């Protein structure tokens, strides 16, 4: 499962167009699209750091191992001009690997340590290896709400909660600020929003 987002126009036009094009490029690179969520507009984080984001999630079907999937995500970001300058900077395209089934990487203790990192440490530190599930997954409404479209029953192996349960734990104000993209332009694309599964 991956998260997609951006808040700056790209070579294909608006942000929604960039996300659609990125999904098509992933599929062309052998990462078949199993399901795509609706697109949502979400406030930039931290507050005031830029225009609103467009966010979505997708389930991919592949036999690639996690590190190879991550390399493919980075290659697609680079193809759309992504330069990793600073954390939480405005960007045209951001692709995050959220989870690969129930895999926990590199191990349960390390994954838990990154997941439990205090907020001030999150600003100063970033992992130098792949952590799965994504350590910030459970606290990001802009990820969980789209993810609930396509995998509400997926079970977090470290927190022992489903996506639907994690959404229920989000503050109401945060949930209210995440809205489906007006007009749902994605429905006019070649992508299909599949029904939710586990």
C-alpha atoms as a PDB file:
ATOM      1  CA  UNK A   1       0.000   0.000   0.000  1.00  0.00           C
ATOM      2  CA  UNK A   2       1.276   3.440  -0.883  1.00  0.00           C
ATOM      3  CA  UNK A   3       0.319   7.031  -0.158  1.00  0.00           C
ATOM      4  CA  UNK A   4       0.468   9.718  -2.842  1.00  0.00           C
ATOM      5  CA  UNK A   5       0.435  13.450  -2.364  1.00  0.00           C
ATOM      6  CA  UNK A   6       1.540  16.812  -3.635  1.00  0.00           C
ATOM      7  CA  UNK A   7       0.733  20.498  -3.373  1.00  0.00           C
ATOM      8  CA  UNK A   8       2.584  22.050  -6.319  1.00  0.00           C
ATOM      9  CA  UNK A   9       1.698  21.790 -10.015  1.00  0.00           C
ATOM     10  CA  UNK A  10       3.945  19.528 -12.054  1.00  0.00           C
ATOM     11  CA  UNK A  11       4.843  18.822 -15.667  1.00  0.00           C
ATOM     12  CA  UNK A  12       1.436  17.219 -16.268  1.00  0.00           C
ATOM     13  CA  UNK A  13      -0.536  20.178 -14.897  1.00  0.00           C
ATOM     14  CA  UNK A  14      -2.394  20.332 -11.605  1.00  0.00           C
ATOM     15  CA  UNK A  15      -1.616  18.116  -8.608  1.00  0.00           C
ATOM     16  CA  UNK A  16      -4.457  15.672  -9.305  1.00  0.00           C
ATOM     17  CA  UNK A  17      -3.108  15.254 -12.837  1.00  0.00           C
ATOM     18  CA  UNK A  18       0.347  14.540 -11.436  1.00  0.00           C
ATOM     19  CA  UNK A  19      -1.020  11.856  -9.094  1.00  0.00           C
ATOM     20  CA  UNK A  20      -2.933  10.197 -11.945  1.00  0.00           C
ATOM     21  CA  UNK A  21       0.157  10.262 -14.168  1.00  0.00           C
ATOM     22  CA  UNK A  22       2.331   8.846 -11.366  1.00  0.00           C
ATOM     23  CA  UNK A  23      -0.108   5.963 -10.849  1.00  0.00           C
ATOM     24  CA  UNK A  24      -0.050   5.239 -14.568  1.00  0.00           C
ATOM     25  CA  UNK A  25       3.756   5.304 -14.562  1.00  0.00           C
ATOM     26  CA  UNK A  26       3.868   2.889 -11.612  1.00  0.00           C
ATOM     27  CA  UNK A  27       1.566   0.526 -13.501  1.00  0.00           C
ATOM     28  CA  UNK A  28       3.756   0.822 -16.612  1.00  0.00           C
ATOM     29  CA  UNK A  29       6.772  -0.111 -14.459  1.00  0.00           C
ATOM     30  CA  UNK A  30       5.102  -3.362 -13.382  1.00  0.00           C
ATOM     31  CA  UNK A  31       3.436  -2.231 -10.148  1.00  0.00           C
ATOM     32  CA  UNK A  32      -0.134  -3.143 -11.080  1.00  0.00           C
ATOM     33  CA  UNK A  33      -2.911  -1.028  -9.573  1.00  0.00           C
ATOM     34  CA  UNK A  34      -5.224  -3.185  -7.458  1.00  0.00           C
ATOM     35  CA  UNK A  35      -7.191  -0.254  -5.997  1.00  0.00           C
ATOM     36  CA  UNK A  36      -7.054   3.545  -5.885  1.00  0.00           C
ATOM     37  CA  UNK A  37      -8.799   5.718  -3.312  1.00  0.00           C
ATOM     38  CA  UNK A  38     -10.665   8.907  -3.978  1.00  0.00           C
ATOM     39  CA  UNK A  39      -8.491  12.033  -4.069  1.00  0.00           C
ATOM     40  CA  UNK A  40      -8.731  14.309  -1.022  1.00  0.00           C
ATOM     41  CA  UNK A  41      -7.651  17.882  -0.293  1.00  0.00           C
ATOM     42  CA  UNK A  42      -5.814  18.266   2.997  1.00  0.00           C
ATOM     43  CA  UNK A  43      -4.226  21.241   4.763  1.00  0.00           C
ATOM     44  CA  UNK A  44      -0.460  21.529   4.421  1.00  0.00           C
ATOM     45  CA  UNK A  45       1.635  20.325   7.369  1.00  0.00           C
ATOM     46  CA  UNK A  46       2.911  22.125   9.313  1.00  0.00           C
ATOM     47  CA  UNK A  47       0.076  24.661   9.146  1.00  0.00           C
ATOM     48  CA  UNK A  48       0.827  27.606   6.855  1.00  0.00           C
ATOM     49  CA  UNK A  49       3.736  25.853   5.110  1.00  0.00           C
ATOM     50  CA  UNK A  50       2.148  25.977   1.672  1.00  0.00           C
ATOM     51  CA  UNK A  51      -0.947  25.325  -0.414  1.00  0.00           C
ATOM     52  CA  UNK A  52      -3.329  22.505   0.439  1.00  0.00           C
ATOM     53  CA  UNK A  53      -2.281  19.018  -0.615  1.00  0.00           C
ATOM     54  CA  UNK A  54      -4.065  16.502  -2.766  1.00  0.00           C
ATOM     55  CA  UNK A  55      -3.701  13.043  -1.203  1.00  0.00           C
ATOM     56  CA  UNK A  56      -4.675   9.506  -2.167  1.00  0.00           C
ATOM     57  CA  UNK A  57      -3.715   5.917  -1.451  1.00  0.00           C
ATOM     58  CA  UNK A  58      -3.326   2.898  -3.693  1.00  0.00           C
ATOM     59  CA  UNK A  59      -2.898  -0.829  -3.358  1.00  0.00           C
ATOM     60  CA  UNK A  60      -0.340  -2.259  -5.750  1.00  0.00           C
ATOM     61  CA  UNK A  61       0.155  -5.837  -6.874  1.00  0.00           C
ATOM     62  CA  UNK A  62       3.775  -6.886  -7.297  1.00  0.00           C
ATOM     63  CA  UNK A  63       6.226  -9.644  -6.484  1.00  0.00           C
ATOM     64  CA  UNK A  64       9.015  -7.141  -5.809  1.00  0.00           C
ATOM     65  CA  UNK A  65      10.515  -7.072  -2.302  1.00  0.00           C
ATOM     66  CA  UNK A  66       9.952  -3.936  -0.178  1.00  0.00           C
ATOM     67  CA  UNK A  67      13.276  -2.234  -0.940  1.00  0.00           C
ATOM     68  CA  UNK A  68      12.754  -2.703  -4.672  1.00  0.00           C
ATOM     69  CA  UNK A  69       9.237  -1.246  -4.374  1.00  0.00           C
ATOM     70  CA  UNK A  70      10.690   1.763  -2.543  1.00  0.00           C
ATOM     71  CA  UNK A  71      13.299   2.194  -5.289  1.00  0.00           C
ATOM     72  CA  UNK A  72      10.512   2.217  -7.900  1.00  0.00           C
ATOM     73  CA  UNK A  73       8.597   4.863  -5.928  1.00  0.00           C
ATOM     74  CA  UNK A  74      11.717   7.045  -5.740  1.00  0.00           C
ATOM     75  CA  UNK A  75      12.358   6.576  -9.468  1.00  0.00           C
ATOM     76  CA  UNK A  76       8.837   7.764 -10.292  1.00  0.00           C
ATOM     77  CA  UNK A  77       9.205  10.750  -7.944  1.00  0.00           C
ATOM     78  CA  UNK A  78      12.462  11.667  -9.695  1.00  0.00           C
ATOM     79  CA  UNK A  79      10.795  11.366 -13.109  1.00  0.00           C
ATOM     80  CA  UNK A  80       8.355  14.053 -11.946  1.00  0.00           C
ATOM     81  CA  UNK A  81      11.159  16.324 -10.769  1.00  0.00           C
ATOM     82  CA  UNK A  82      11.101  15.527  -7.062  1.00  0.00           C
ATOM     83  CA  UNK A  83      14.182  16.816  -5.255  1.00  0.00           C
ATOM     84  CA  UNK A  84      14.433  15.872  -1.588  1.00  0.00           C
ATOM     85  CA  UNK A  85      15.496  19.162  -0.009  1.00  0.00           C
ATOM     86  CA  UNK A  86      13.892  19.409   3.426  1.00  0.00           C
ATOM     87  CA  UNK A  87      11.243  17.467   5.283  1.00  0.00           C
ATOM     88  CA  UNK A  88       7.663  18.643   4.889  1.00  0.00           C
ATOM     89  CA  UNK A  89       8.648  21.031   2.093  1.00  0.00           C
ATOM     90  CA  UNK A  90       6.091  21.819  -0.614  1.00  0.00           C
ATOM     91  CA  UNK A  91       6.381  19.327  -3.471  1.00  0.00           C
ATOM     92  CA  UNK A  92       4.828  18.251  -6.705  1.00  0.00           C
ATOM     93  CA  UNK A  93       4.839  14.535  -5.897  1.00  0.00           C
ATOM     94  CA  UNK A  94       5.434  12.458  -2.793  1.00  0.00           C
ATOM     95  CA  UNK A  95       5.129   8.664  -2.812  1.00  0.00           C
ATOM     96  CA  UNK A  96       5.369   6.799   0.490  1.00  0.00           C
ATOM     97  CA  UNK A  97       5.482   3.057   0.990  1.00  0.00           C
ATOM     98  CA  UNK A  98       3.007   2.467   3.826  1.00  0.00           C
ATOM     99  CA  UNK A  99       2.966  -1.296   4.227  1.00  0.00           C
ATOM    100  CA  UNK A 100       3.684  -4.540   2.436  1.00  0.00           C
ATOM    101  CA  UNK A 101       1.111  -6.964   3.772  1.00  0.00           C
ATOM    102  CA  UNK A 102       1.931  -7.659   7.407  1.00  0.00           C
ATOM    103  CA  UNK A 103       5.697  -7.202   7.000  1.00  0.00           C
ATOM    104  CA  UNK A 104       7.505  -5.493   9.892  1.00  0.00           C
ATOM    105  CA  UNK A 105      10.906  -4.072   8.902  1.00  0.00           C
ATOM    106  CA  UNK A 106      13.673  -4.151   9.869  1.00  0.00           C
ATOM    107  CA  UNK A 107      12.329  -5.779  13.058  1.00  0.00           C
ATOM    108  CA  UNK A 108       9.532  -5.206  15.580  1.00  0.00           C
ATOM    109  CA  UNK A 109      11.680  -3.351  18.135  1.00  0.00           C
ATOM    110  CA  UNK A 110      13.138  -0.897  15.611  1.00  0.00           C
ATOM    111  CA  UNK A 111       9.744  -0.289  13.992  1.00  0.00           C
ATOM    112  CA  UNK A 112       8.204   0.397  17.423  1.00  0.00           C
ATOM    113  CA  UNK A 113      11.043   2.763  18.394  1.00  0.00           C
ATOM    114  CA  UNK A 114      10.496   4.899  15.265  1.00  0.00           C
ATOM    115  CA  UNK A 115       6.712   4.760  15.689  1.00  0.00           C
ATOM    116  CA  UNK A 116       6.995   5.948  19.312  1.00  0.00           C
ATOM    117  CA  UNK A 117       9.481   8.749  18.590  1.00  0.00           C
ATOM    118  CA  UNK A 118       8.462  11.964  20.443  1.00  0.00           C
ATOM    119  CA  UNK A 119       7.224  14.823  18.200  1.00  0.00           C
ATOM    120  CA  UNK A 120      10.313  16.997  18.746  1.00  0.00           C
ATOM    121  CA  UNK A 121      12.585  14.107  17.762  1.00  0.00           C
ATOM    122  CA  UNK A 122      10.498  13.526  14.622  1.00  0.00           C
ATOM    123  CA  UNK A 123      11.545  17.006  13.474  1.00  0.00           C
ATOM    124  CA  UNK A 124      15.243  16.243  13.911  1.00  0.00           C
ATOM    125  CA  UNK A 125      15.605  12.584  12.966  1.00  0.00           C
ATOM    126  CA  UNK A 126      14.730  10.432  10.008  1.00  0.00           C
ATOM    127  CA  UNK A 127      15.490   6.727   9.571  1.00  0.00           C
ATOM    128  CA  UNK A 128      18.384   5.602   7.397  1.00  0.00           C
ATOM    129  CA  UNK A 129      16.615   2.348   6.546  1.00  0.00           C
ATOM    130  CA  UNK A 130      13.154   1.271   5.454  1.00  0.00           C
ATOM    131  CA  UNK A 131      10.691   1.078   8.353  1.00  0.00           C
ATOM    132  CA  UNK A 132       7.464  -0.864   7.773  1.00  0.00           C
ATOM    133  CA  UNK A 133       4.704  -0.219   8.414  1.00  0.00           C
ATOM    134  CA  UNK A 134       5.401   3.487   7.874  1.00  0.00           C
ATOM    135  CA  UNK A 135       6.108   4.844  11.382  1.00  0.00           C
ATOM    136  CA  UNK A 136       3.748   7.851  11.047  1.00  0.00           C
ATOM    137  CA  UNK A 137       0.907   5.910   9.421  1.00  0.00           C
ATOM    138  CA  UNK A 138      -1.379   5.792  12.468  1.00  0.00           C
ATOM    139  CA  UNK A 139      -1.277   9.526  13.177  1.00  0.00           C
ATOM    140  CA  UNK A 140      -1.786  10.959   9.690  1.00  0.00           C
ATOM    141  CA  UNK A 141      -5.365  11.597   8.756  1.00  0.00           C
ATOM    142  CA  UNK A 142      -4.325  12.544   5.229  1.00  0.00           C
ATOM    143  CA  UNK A 143      -3.101   8.954   4.849  1.00  0.00           C
ATOM    144  CA  UNK A 144      -5.655   7.051   6.913  1.00  0.00           C
ATOM    145  CA  UNK A 145      -8.786   8.585   5.380  1.00  0.00           C
ATOM    146  CA  UNK A 146      -7.827   7.723   1.774  1.00  0.00           C
ATOM    147  CA  UNK A 147      -6.518   4.347   2.957  1.00  0.00           C
ATOM    148  CA  UNK A 148      -9.918   3.607   4.522  1.00  0.00           C
ATOM    149  CA  UNK A 149     -11.399   3.858   1.008  1.00  0.00           C
ATOM    150  CA  UNK A 150      -9.436   0.824  -0.174  1.00  0.00           C
ATOM    151  CA  UNK A 151      -8.279  -1.124   2.901  1.00  0.00           C
ATOM    152  CA  UNK A 152     -10.446  -0.326   5.959  1.00  0.00           C
ATOM    153  CA  UNK A 153      -9.860  -3.765   7.452  1.00  0.00           C
ATOM    154  CA  UNK A 154      -6.077  -3.864   6.988  1.00  0.00           C
ATOM    155  CA  UNK A 155      -4.624  -4.665  10.401  1.00  0.00           C
ATOM    156  CA  UNK A 156      -1.536  -2.796  11.666  1.00  0.00           C
ATOM    157  CA  UNK A 157       0.820  -5.531  12.906  1.00  0.00           C
ATOM    158  CA  UNK A 158       2.386  -3.341  15.598  1.00  0.00           C
ATOM    159  CA  UNK A 159      -0.648  -1.434  16.882  1.00  0.00           C
ATOM    160  CA  UNK A 160      -3.167  -4.272  16.433  1.00  0.00           C
ATOM    161  CA  UNK A 161      -5.769  -1.879  15.004  1.00  0.00           C
ATOM    162  CA  UNK A 162      -7.494  -1.776  11.647  1.00  0.00           C
ATOM    163  CA  UNK A 163      -7.377   1.276   9.401  1.00  0.00           C
ATOM    164  CA  UNK A 164     -11.010   1.973  10.308  1.00  0.00           C
ATOM    165  CA  UNK A 165     -10.132   1.868  14.015  1.00  0.00           C
ATOM    166  CA  UNK A 166      -7.169   4.208  13.508  1.00  0.00           C
ATOM    167  CA  UNK A 167      -9.407   6.655  11.611  1.00  0.00           C
ATOM    168  CA  UNK A 168     -11.873   6.585  14.523  1.00  0.00           C
ATOM    169  CA  UNK A 169      -9.033   7.655  16.869  1.00  0.00           C
ATOM    170  CA  UNK A 170      -8.231  10.801  14.857  1.00  0.00           C
ATOM    171  CA  UNK A 171      -9.382  14.180  16.232  1.00  0.00           C
ATOM    172  CA  UNK A 172     -12.701  15.232  14.719  1.00  0.00           C
ATOM    173  CA  UNK A 173     -11.288  18.590  13.576  1.00  0.00           C
ATOM    174  CA  UNK A 174      -8.528  16.836  11.648  1.00  0.00           C
ATOM    175  CA  UNK A 175     -10.999  14.509   9.940  1.00  0.00           C
ATOM    176  CA  UNK A 176     -13.308  17.412   9.050  1.00  0.00           C
ATOM    177  CA  UNK A 177     -10.440  19.264   7.319  1.00  0.00           C
ATOM    178  CA  UNK A 178      -9.822  16.367   4.880  1.00  0.00           C
ATOM    179  CA  UNK A 179     -12.344  16.614   2.055  1.00  0.00           C
ATOM    180  CA  UNK A 180     -12.893  14.676  -1.174  1.00  0.00           C
ATOM    181  CA  UNK A 181     -11.514  16.603  -4.125  1.00  0.00           C
ATOM    182  CA  UNK A 182     -14.245  18.675  -5.761  1.00  0.00           C
ATOM    183  CA  UNK A 183     -15.530  17.099  -8.927  1.00  0.00           C
ATOM    184  CA  UNK A 184     -13.572  13.912  -8.305  1.00  0.00           C
ATOM    185  CA  UNK A 185     -11.483  14.412 -11.435  1.00  0.00           C
ATOM    186  CA  UNK A 186      -9.935  10.994 -10.864  1.00  0.00           C
ATOM    187  CA  UNK A 187     -13.206   9.354 -11.946  1.00  0.00           C
ATOM    188  CA  UNK A 188     -12.651  10.791 -15.427  1.00  0.00           C
ATOM    189  CA  UNK A 189      -9.236   9.205 -15.745  1.00  0.00           C
ATOM    190  CA  UNK A 190      -8.276   5.734 -16.887  1.00  0.00           C
ATOM    191  CA  UNK A 191      -7.916   4.664 -13.252  1.00  0.00           C
ATOM    192  CA  UNK A 192     -10.585   2.661 -11.494  1.00  0.00           C
ATOM    193  CA  UNK A 193     -11.400   3.121  -7.840  1.00  0.00           C
ATOM    194  CA  UNK A 194     -11.779  -0.429  -6.642  1.00  0.00           C
ATOM    195  CA  UNK A 195     -14.069  -1.496  -3.809  1.00  0.00           C
ATOM    196  CA  UNK A 196     -12.410  -1.726  -0.397  1.00  0.00           C
ATOM    197  CA  UNK A 197     -10.819  -4.943   0.802  1.00  0.00           C
ATOM    198  CA  UNK A 198      -8.866  -5.964   3.853  1.00  0.00           C
END
